[in-house]
Amino acid sequence: MKYLLPLIVAFSLFMTPVNAFADELILAGGCFWCLEHDLESLKGINFVQSGYSGGDLQNPTYENHEGYQEVVLIDYDSNLVTLPEILRLYFRNIDPLDGKGQFCDRGDSYRPVIFFKDATEKSDAINAIVSASNELRVPIEKISVELKSKGQFWLAEEYHQDFAERNELKYKFYRFSCGRDQRLDKLWGDNARSINIWNE
């Protein structure tokens, strides 16, 4: 028994913590149902949650989140997927030319925003903006994705989480009627909804 504790301690030193490479990213890109659905299938993504960020109101709700954007919190394994890859998939699932909303959803709550936590994330976001403008063959000033310092993330109501999976028919009808995929196909062509290398 006296050897058991040292053995456990020694063994634990060689164990890699489960979340050793876990990192988080907050993105806004229109309806959080869609963005959650589009990003969570990427290898290396641990989970995606829908919520609100960017505002000052305490405890925002779906009925009252003035000043906030609908966002997703992405928890990912940085040993399996890189931030530039996630940002590439993000851009290919939004209309970065539209700063007044996304697709059929209009207004401040739906405009695209990348929330960065430090200089490295900000640099990666800027590089993604440059690459997107090159691929779309538009001046960089046309890319209407805001870069904003990361603030608090407020989890949205339970019925918004995994909405596409739990309400498949309603989600598909909404997505089609909103024209999301039609616009993505027109904008990005074969690269729509993909993590293909930037076509610059």
Protein backbone atom coordinates (compact mmCIF):
# COMPACT_ATOMS: atom_id res chain seq x y z
CA MET A 1 0.00 0.00 0.00
CA LYS A 2 2.86 2.38 0.82
CA TYR A 3 4.05 2.10 -2.80
CA LEU A 4 0.64 2.79 -4.31
CA LEU A 5 0.52 6.56 -3.81
CA PRO A 6 3.96 7.28 -5.34
CA LEU A 7 3.02 5.03 -8.25
CA ILE A 8 -0.19 6.96 -8.86
CA VAL A 9 1.63 10.29 -8.68
CA ALA A 10 4.34 9.12 -11.09
CA PHE A 11 1.76 7.74 -13.51
CA SER A 12 -0.22 10.97 -13.46
CA LEU A 13 2.83 12.97 -14.51
CA PHE A 14 2.91 11.10 -17.80
CA MET A 15 -0.79 11.46 -18.45
CA THR A 16 -1.79 14.18 -20.92
CA PRO A 17 -4.73 16.24 -19.60
CA VAL A 18 -7.91 15.67 -21.59
CA ASN A 19 -8.20 19.36 -22.49
CA ALA A 20 -4.50 20.10 -22.88
CA PHE A 21 -5.05 21.55 -26.34
CA ALA A 22 -8.55 22.95 -25.83
CA ASP A 23 -9.14 26.51 -26.99
CA GLU A 24 -12.17 28.72 -27.60
CA LEU A 25 -13.32 31.09 -30.30
CA ILE A 26 -16.42 33.30 -30.57
CA LEU A 27 -17.86 34.08 -34.01
CA ALA A 28 -20.96 35.89 -35.24
CA GLY A 29 -22.31 35.14 -38.70
CA GLY A 30 -26.06 35.52 -38.83
CA CYS A 31 -28.43 32.96 -37.37
CA PHE A 32 -26.61 30.97 -34.71
CA TRP A 33 -28.59 27.84 -35.61
CA CYS A 34 -26.86 27.77 -38.98
CA LEU A 35 -23.38 28.70 -37.84
CA GLU A 36 -23.48 26.10 -35.06
CA HIS A 37 -24.56 23.44 -37.55
CA ASP A 38 -21.95 24.44 -40.14
CA LEU A 39 -18.97 24.46 -37.80
CA GLU A 40 -19.57 21.58 -35.41
CA SER A 41 -18.88 18.85 -37.99
CA LEU A 42 -15.26 19.96 -38.51
CA LYS A 43 -12.72 17.48 -37.16
CA GLY A 44 -11.13 18.85 -34.02
CA ILE A 45 -14.20 20.75 -32.88
CA ASN A 46 -15.18 19.51 -29.43
CA PHE A 47 -18.51 21.33 -29.28
CA VAL A 48 -20.28 24.48 -30.45
CA GLN A 49 -22.78 26.46 -28.37
CA SER A 50 -25.19 29.18 -29.45
CA GLY A 51 -25.31 32.40 -27.48
CA TYR A 52 -24.89 36.17 -27.37
CA SER A 53 -21.84 38.42 -27.18
CA GLY A 54 -20.72 41.95 -27.93
CA GLY A 55 -23.18 43.92 -25.81
CA ASP A 56 -23.45 45.40 -22.33
CA LEU A 57 -26.85 44.19 -21.12
CA GLN A 58 -26.68 41.67 -18.29
CA ASN A 59 -28.28 38.29 -18.90
CA PRO A 60 -29.42 38.84 -22.51
CA THR A 61 -32.21 36.65 -23.86
CA TYR A 62 -33.57 35.88 -27.31
CA GLU A 63 -36.38 38.36 -26.68
CA ASN A 64 -34.03 41.04 -25.31
CA HIS A 65 -30.43 41.13 -26.55
CA GLU A 66 -30.13 44.67 -27.89
CA GLY A 67 -26.52 45.54 -28.66
CA TYR A 68 -25.53 41.88 -28.90
CA GLN A 69 -24.80 39.63 -31.84
CA GLU A 70 -26.04 36.08 -32.13
CA VAL A 71 -22.80 34.12 -31.81
CA VAL A 72 -21.37 30.66 -31.44
CA LEU A 73 -18.75 29.62 -28.92
CA ILE A 74 -16.43 27.06 -30.49
CA ASP A 75 -14.45 24.77 -28.22
CA TYR A 76 -11.74 23.10 -30.31
CA ASP A 77 -8.64 20.96 -30.04
CA SER A 78 -5.78 23.07 -31.39
CA ASN A 79 -3.76 19.89 -31.85
CA LEU A 80 -6.26 18.68 -34.46
CA VAL A 81 -7.53 21.85 -36.13
CA THR A 82 -5.99 25.31 -36.46
CA LEU A 83 -7.59 28.68 -36.00
CA PRO A 84 -6.91 29.64 -39.66
CA GLU A 85 -8.78 26.48 -40.75
CA ILE A 86 -11.77 27.35 -38.58
CA LEU A 87 -11.79 30.91 -39.90
CA ARG A 88 -11.62 29.64 -43.47
CA LEU A 89 -14.69 27.47 -42.87
CA TYR A 90 -16.40 30.38 -41.13
CA PHE A 91 -15.90 32.73 -44.08
CA ARG A 92 -17.11 30.10 -46.55
CA ASN A 93 -20.36 29.83 -44.55
CA ILE A 94 -21.19 33.54 -44.40
CA ASP A 95 -21.55 36.49 -46.76
CA PRO A 96 -18.60 38.66 -45.71
CA LEU A 97 -19.74 41.44 -48.04
CA ASP A 98 -22.88 42.08 -46.00
CA GLY A 99 -22.27 44.06 -42.82
CA LYS A 100 -25.94 44.80 -42.15
CA GLY A 101 -27.04 41.26 -41.43
CA GLN A 102 -26.80 37.86 -43.06
CA PHE A 103 -29.05 36.50 -45.76
CA CYS A 104 -32.71 37.02 -44.75
CA ASP A 105 -31.81 38.04 -41.19
CA ARG A 106 -31.24 41.78 -41.00
CA GLY A 107 -29.97 44.09 -38.29
CA ASP A 108 -27.16 44.48 -35.79
CA SER A 109 -27.80 41.11 -34.14
CA TYR A 110 -26.95 39.28 -37.34
CA ARG A 111 -23.89 41.11 -38.66
CA PRO A 112 -20.63 39.14 -38.95
CA VAL A 113 -18.04 39.63 -36.20
CA ILE A 114 -14.85 37.82 -35.21
CA PHE A 115 -14.13 38.20 -31.49
CA PHE A 116 -10.39 37.91 -30.81
CA LYS A 117 -8.78 37.29 -27.42
CA ASP A 118 -5.21 38.35 -28.20
CA ALA A 119 -2.83 39.67 -30.85
CA THR A 120 -2.33 36.23 -32.40
CA GLU A 121 -6.05 35.67 -32.96
CA LYS A 122 -6.41 39.20 -34.33
CA SER A 123 -3.54 38.59 -36.75
CA ASP A 124 -5.10 35.31 -37.94
CA ALA A 125 -8.43 37.09 -38.43
CA ILE A 126 -6.82 39.87 -40.47
CA ASN A 127 -5.04 37.30 -42.63
CA ALA A 128 -8.36 35.52 -43.22
CA ILE A 129 -9.98 38.80 -44.26
CA VAL A 130 -7.17 39.46 -46.74
CA SER A 131 -7.45 35.94 -48.14
CA ALA A 132 -11.24 36.21 -48.45
CA SER A 133 -10.97 39.49 -50.35
CA ASN A 134 -8.41 37.95 -52.69
CA GLU A 135 -10.51 34.86 -53.33
CA LEU A 136 -13.65 36.90 -53.95
CA ARG A 137 -11.67 39.38 -56.09
CA VAL A 138 -13.00 42.37 -54.17
CA PRO A 139 -11.20 45.26 -52.43
CA ILE A 140 -10.48 44.53 -48.79
CA GLU A 141 -12.73 47.47 -47.86
CA LYS A 142 -15.67 45.42 -49.15
CA ILE A 143 -15.16 42.76 -46.49
CA SER A 144 -17.65 43.79 -43.81
CA VAL A 145 -16.61 41.42 -41.04
CA GLU A 146 -15.86 43.36 -37.86
CA LEU A 147 -12.96 42.47 -35.58
CA LYS A 148 -13.83 42.98 -31.94
CA SER A 149 -12.08 42.26 -28.67
CA LYS A 150 -13.53 39.19 -26.98
CA GLY A 151 -16.00 39.87 -24.21
CA GLN A 152 -18.37 37.76 -22.18
CA PHE A 153 -20.27 34.93 -23.83
CA TRP A 154 -23.84 34.40 -22.68
CA LEU A 155 -25.30 30.97 -23.39
CA ALA A 156 -28.58 31.09 -25.33
CA GLU A 157 -31.71 29.32 -24.19
CA GLU A 158 -31.70 25.52 -24.25
CA TYR A 159 -34.10 25.27 -27.20
CA HIS A 160 -31.56 27.05 -29.40
CA GLN A 161 -28.80 24.51 -28.73
CA ASP A 162 -28.35 21.84 -31.44
CA PHE A 163 -31.42 23.29 -33.13
CA ALA A 164 -30.63 21.82 -36.55
CA GLU A 165 -30.29 18.33 -35.12
CA ARG A 166 -33.33 18.49 -32.87
CA ASN A 167 -35.63 20.27 -35.34
CA GLU A 168 -34.42 18.95 -38.68
CA LEU A 169 -37.43 19.76 -40.87
CA LYS A 170 -38.01 23.21 -39.41
CA TYR A 171 -34.31 24.00 -39.71
CA LYS A 172 -34.08 22.87 -43.35
CA PHE A 173 -37.17 24.90 -44.26
CA TYR A 174 -35.77 27.99 -42.56
CA ARG A 175 -32.35 27.63 -44.14
CA PHE A 176 -33.77 27.17 -47.64
CA SER A 177 -36.32 29.96 -47.38
CA CYS A 178 -33.61 32.28 -46.05
CA GLY A 179 -31.55 31.70 -49.20
CA ARG A 180 -28.39 30.94 -47.27
CA ASP A 181 -26.98 28.16 -49.42
CA GLN A 182 -28.09 29.80 -52.64
CA ARG A 183 -26.09 32.91 -51.77
CA LEU A 184 -23.09 30.91 -50.55
CA ASP A 185 -22.96 28.96 -53.81
CA LYS A 186 -23.15 32.15 -55.86
CA LEU A 187 -20.50 33.87 -53.76
CA TRP A 188 -17.97 31.10 -53.14
CA GLY A 189 -18.68 28.62 -55.94
CA ASP A 190 -17.11 25.21 -55.36
CA ASN A 191 -15.47 26.47 -52.17
CA ALA A 192 -18.79 27.21 -50.46
CA ARG A 193 -19.01 25.57 -47.02
CA SER A 194 -15.50 24.08 -47.37
CA ILE A 195 -12.08 24.37 -45.76
CA ASN A 196 -10.28 24.13 -49.10
CA ILE A 197 -7.08 26.15 -49.31
CA TRP A 198 -7.72 29.80 -50.17
CA ASN A 199 -7.90 30.45 -53.91
CA GLU A 200 -5.81 33.60 -54.11
